[in-house]
């Protein structure tokens, strides 16, 4: 991901009213892979609205057992 620094993360602005699904689209995350967006240890649903100054983690979803 361009401009991403693993020690500092990535700061970006998205439109008002954006949700998790909009964020993943903005980041151009591959649709062929499942992604989880985490806030304060909680996995967010795709329709969860985003709020200014959220610190989010975007990680690939892991399946298996």
N, C-alpha and C. Protein backbone atom coordinates (compact mmCIF):
# COMPACT_ATOMS: atom_id res chain seq x y z
N UNK A 1 0.85 -1.17 0.00
CA UNK A 1 0.00 0.00 0.00
C UNK A 1 0.90 1.23 0.00
N UNK A 2 0.74 2.10 -0.99
CA UNK A 2 1.58 3.30 -1.06
C UNK A 2 1.40 4.19 0.17
N UNK A 3 2.44 4.84 0.57
CA UNK A 3 2.46 5.79 1.69
C UNK A 3 2.29 5.14 3.05
N UNK A 4 2.15 3.83 3.12
CA UNK A 4 1.98 3.17 4.41
C UNK A 4 3.32 2.98 5.09
N UNK A 5 3.42 3.40 6.33
CA UNK A 5 4.62 3.23 7.13
C UNK A 5 4.25 2.33 8.31
N UNK A 6 4.81 1.13 8.40
CA UNK A 6 4.41 0.18 9.45
C UNK A 6 4.66 0.69 10.87
N UNK A 7 5.53 1.66 11.04
CA UNK A 7 5.77 2.18 12.39
C UNK A 7 4.82 3.31 12.77
N UNK A 8 4.27 3.99 11.76
CA UNK A 8 3.37 5.12 12.04
C UNK A 8 1.97 4.94 11.49
N UNK A 9 1.77 3.97 10.62
CA UNK A 9 0.46 3.76 10.02
C UNK A 9 0.25 4.66 8.82
N UNK A 10 -1.00 4.97 8.56
CA UNK A 10 -1.38 5.78 7.41
C UNK A 10 -2.51 6.69 7.83
N UNK A 11 -2.37 7.96 7.56
CA UNK A 11 -3.41 8.93 7.88
C UNK A 11 -4.09 9.32 6.59
N UNK A 12 -5.42 9.31 6.58
CA UNK A 12 -6.14 9.70 5.39
C UNK A 12 -7.48 10.31 5.73
N UNK A 13 -8.05 10.98 4.76
CA UNK A 13 -9.36 11.60 4.91
C UNK A 13 -10.31 10.95 3.93
N UNK A 14 -11.52 10.65 4.42
CA UNK A 14 -12.57 10.15 3.55
C UNK A 14 -13.80 11.00 3.79
N UNK A 15 -14.78 10.88 2.92
CA UNK A 15 -15.94 11.76 2.96
C UNK A 15 -16.80 11.55 4.21
N UNK A 16 -17.50 12.61 4.60
CA UNK A 16 -18.43 12.53 5.72
C UNK A 16 -19.47 11.45 5.44
N UNK A 17 -19.83 10.71 6.46
CA UNK A 17 -20.83 9.66 6.31
C UNK A 17 -20.27 8.36 5.78
N UNK A 18 -18.94 8.29 5.59
CA UNK A 18 -18.33 7.07 5.07
C UNK A 18 -18.42 5.95 6.11
N UNK A 19 -18.47 4.72 5.61
CA UNK A 19 -18.49 3.57 6.50
C UNK A 19 -17.30 2.66 6.20
N UNK A 20 -17.25 1.53 6.86
CA UNK A 20 -16.12 0.59 6.72
C UNK A 20 -15.98 0.14 5.27
N UNK A 21 -17.09 -0.17 4.62
CA UNK A 21 -17.03 -0.61 3.23
C UNK A 21 -16.44 0.48 2.34
N UNK A 22 -16.81 1.73 2.59
CA UNK A 22 -16.25 2.85 1.83
C UNK A 22 -14.74 2.96 2.05
N UNK A 23 -14.30 2.75 3.28
CA UNK A 23 -12.86 2.80 3.59
C UNK A 23 -12.09 1.76 2.80
N UNK A 24 -12.59 0.52 2.79
CA UNK A 24 -11.90 -0.55 2.06
C UNK A 24 -11.86 -0.23 0.57
N UNK A 25 -12.91 0.35 0.04
CA UNK A 25 -12.93 0.75 -1.37
C UNK A 25 -11.90 1.86 -1.61
N UNK A 26 -11.85 2.84 -0.71
CA UNK A 26 -10.91 3.96 -0.83
C UNK A 26 -9.46 3.46 -0.81
N UNK A 27 -9.20 2.46 0.01
CA UNK A 27 -7.85 1.90 0.12
C UNK A 27 -7.52 0.94 -1.03
N UNK A 28 -8.52 0.65 -1.87
CA UNK A 28 -8.35 -0.28 -2.99
C UNK A 28 -7.90 -1.66 -2.53
N UNK A 29 -8.51 -2.12 -1.44
CA UNK A 29 -8.18 -3.45 -0.93
C UNK A 29 -8.77 -4.48 -1.88
N UNK A 30 -8.03 -5.54 -2.23
CA UNK A 30 -8.52 -6.53 -3.18
C UNK A 30 -9.82 -7.18 -2.70
N UNK A 31 -10.80 -7.21 -3.58
CA UNK A 31 -12.08 -7.84 -3.24
C UNK A 31 -11.97 -9.35 -3.20
N UNK A 32 -10.90 -9.89 -3.76
CA UNK A 32 -10.70 -11.34 -3.76
C UNK A 32 -10.30 -11.86 -2.38
N UNK A 33 -10.00 -10.96 -1.46
CA UNK A 33 -9.59 -11.33 -0.11
C UNK A 33 -10.57 -10.71 0.89
N UNK A 34 -10.80 -11.41 2.01
CA UNK A 34 -11.66 -10.87 3.06
C UNK A 34 -10.82 -10.03 4.02
N UNK A 35 -11.39 -8.90 4.46
CA UNK A 35 -10.68 -7.97 5.34
C UNK A 35 -11.48 -7.71 6.60
N UNK A 36 -10.79 -7.49 7.69
CA UNK A 36 -11.42 -7.09 8.94
C UNK A 36 -10.90 -5.70 9.28
N UNK A 37 -11.82 -4.84 9.73
CA UNK A 37 -11.44 -3.52 10.21
C UNK A 37 -11.74 -3.52 11.70
N UNK A 38 -10.71 -3.21 12.49
CA UNK A 38 -10.79 -3.33 13.95
C UNK A 38 -10.62 -1.96 14.59
N UNK A 39 -11.50 -1.67 15.57
CA UNK A 39 -11.44 -0.44 16.35
C UNK A 39 -11.56 -0.82 17.82
N UNK A 40 -10.57 -0.46 18.61
CA UNK A 40 -10.58 -0.76 20.05
C UNK A 40 -10.83 -2.24 20.34
N UNK A 41 -10.22 -3.10 19.54
CA UNK A 41 -10.34 -4.54 19.76
C UNK A 41 -11.64 -5.15 19.25
N UNK A 42 -12.49 -4.37 18.59
CA UNK A 42 -13.76 -4.86 18.08
C UNK A 42 -13.75 -4.86 16.56
N UNK A 43 -14.19 -5.97 15.97
CA UNK A 43 -14.30 -6.05 14.52
C UNK A 43 -15.56 -5.31 14.11
N UNK A 44 -15.41 -4.39 13.16
CA UNK A 44 -16.53 -3.58 12.71
C UNK A 44 -17.25 -4.22 11.53
N UNK A 45 -18.55 -4.01 11.45
CA UNK A 45 -19.35 -4.48 10.33
C UNK A 45 -19.16 -3.52 9.15
N UNK A 46 -19.38 -4.00 7.92
CA UNK A 46 -19.17 -3.15 6.74
C UNK A 46 -19.98 -1.86 6.74
N UNK A 47 -21.15 -1.86 7.36
CA UNK A 47 -21.99 -0.67 7.34
C UNK A 47 -21.76 0.26 8.54
N UNK A 48 -20.76 -0.05 9.38
CA UNK A 48 -20.46 0.79 10.54
C UNK A 48 -19.93 2.14 10.07
N UNK A 49 -20.57 3.25 10.51
CA UNK A 49 -20.07 4.57 10.13
C UNK A 49 -18.74 4.88 10.81
N UNK A 50 -17.90 5.61 10.11
CA UNK A 50 -16.60 6.00 10.65
C UNK A 50 -16.70 7.41 11.23
N UNK A 51 -15.90 7.66 12.26
CA UNK A 51 -15.91 8.93 12.95
C UNK A 51 -14.51 9.54 12.83
N UNK A 52 -14.44 10.86 12.82
CA UNK A 52 -13.16 11.56 12.77
C UNK A 52 -12.19 11.05 13.82
N UNK A 53 -10.94 10.96 13.45
CA UNK A 53 -9.85 10.59 14.36
C UNK A 53 -9.92 9.17 14.89
N UNK A 54 -10.65 8.27 14.21
CA UNK A 54 -10.60 6.86 14.58
C UNK A 54 -9.23 6.31 14.24
N UNK A 55 -8.72 5.44 15.09
CA UNK A 55 -7.50 4.71 14.79
C UNK A 55 -7.92 3.27 14.51
N UNK A 56 -7.86 2.89 13.25
CA UNK A 56 -8.36 1.60 12.81
C UNK A 56 -7.21 0.70 12.39
N UNK A 57 -7.45 -0.59 12.50
CA UNK A 57 -6.53 -1.60 11.98
C UNK A 57 -7.26 -2.35 10.88
N UNK A 58 -6.63 -2.44 9.71
CA UNK A 58 -7.18 -3.22 8.60
C UNK A 58 -6.29 -4.43 8.44
N UNK A 59 -6.89 -5.60 8.65
CA UNK A 59 -6.11 -6.84 8.61
C UNK A 59 -6.84 -7.88 7.76
N UNK A 60 -6.09 -8.78 7.14
CA UNK A 60 -6.75 -9.83 6.37
C UNK A 60 -7.46 -10.79 7.34
N UNK A 61 -8.66 -11.20 6.95
CA UNK A 61 -9.40 -12.16 7.76
C UNK A 61 -8.73 -13.53 7.62
N UNK A 62 -8.65 -14.26 8.72
CA UNK A 62 -7.99 -15.56 8.73
C UNK A 62 -9.05 -16.61 9.05
N UNK A 63 -9.08 -17.66 8.24
CA UNK A 63 -10.04 -18.74 8.44
C UNK A 63 -9.28 -20.02 8.68
N UNK A 64 -9.91 -20.94 9.32
CA UNK A 64 -9.30 -22.25 9.53
C UNK A 64 -9.52 -22.74 10.94
N UNK A 65 -8.88 -23.80 11.26
CA UNK A 65 -9.12 -24.34 12.58
C UNK A 65 -8.00 -25.17 13.08
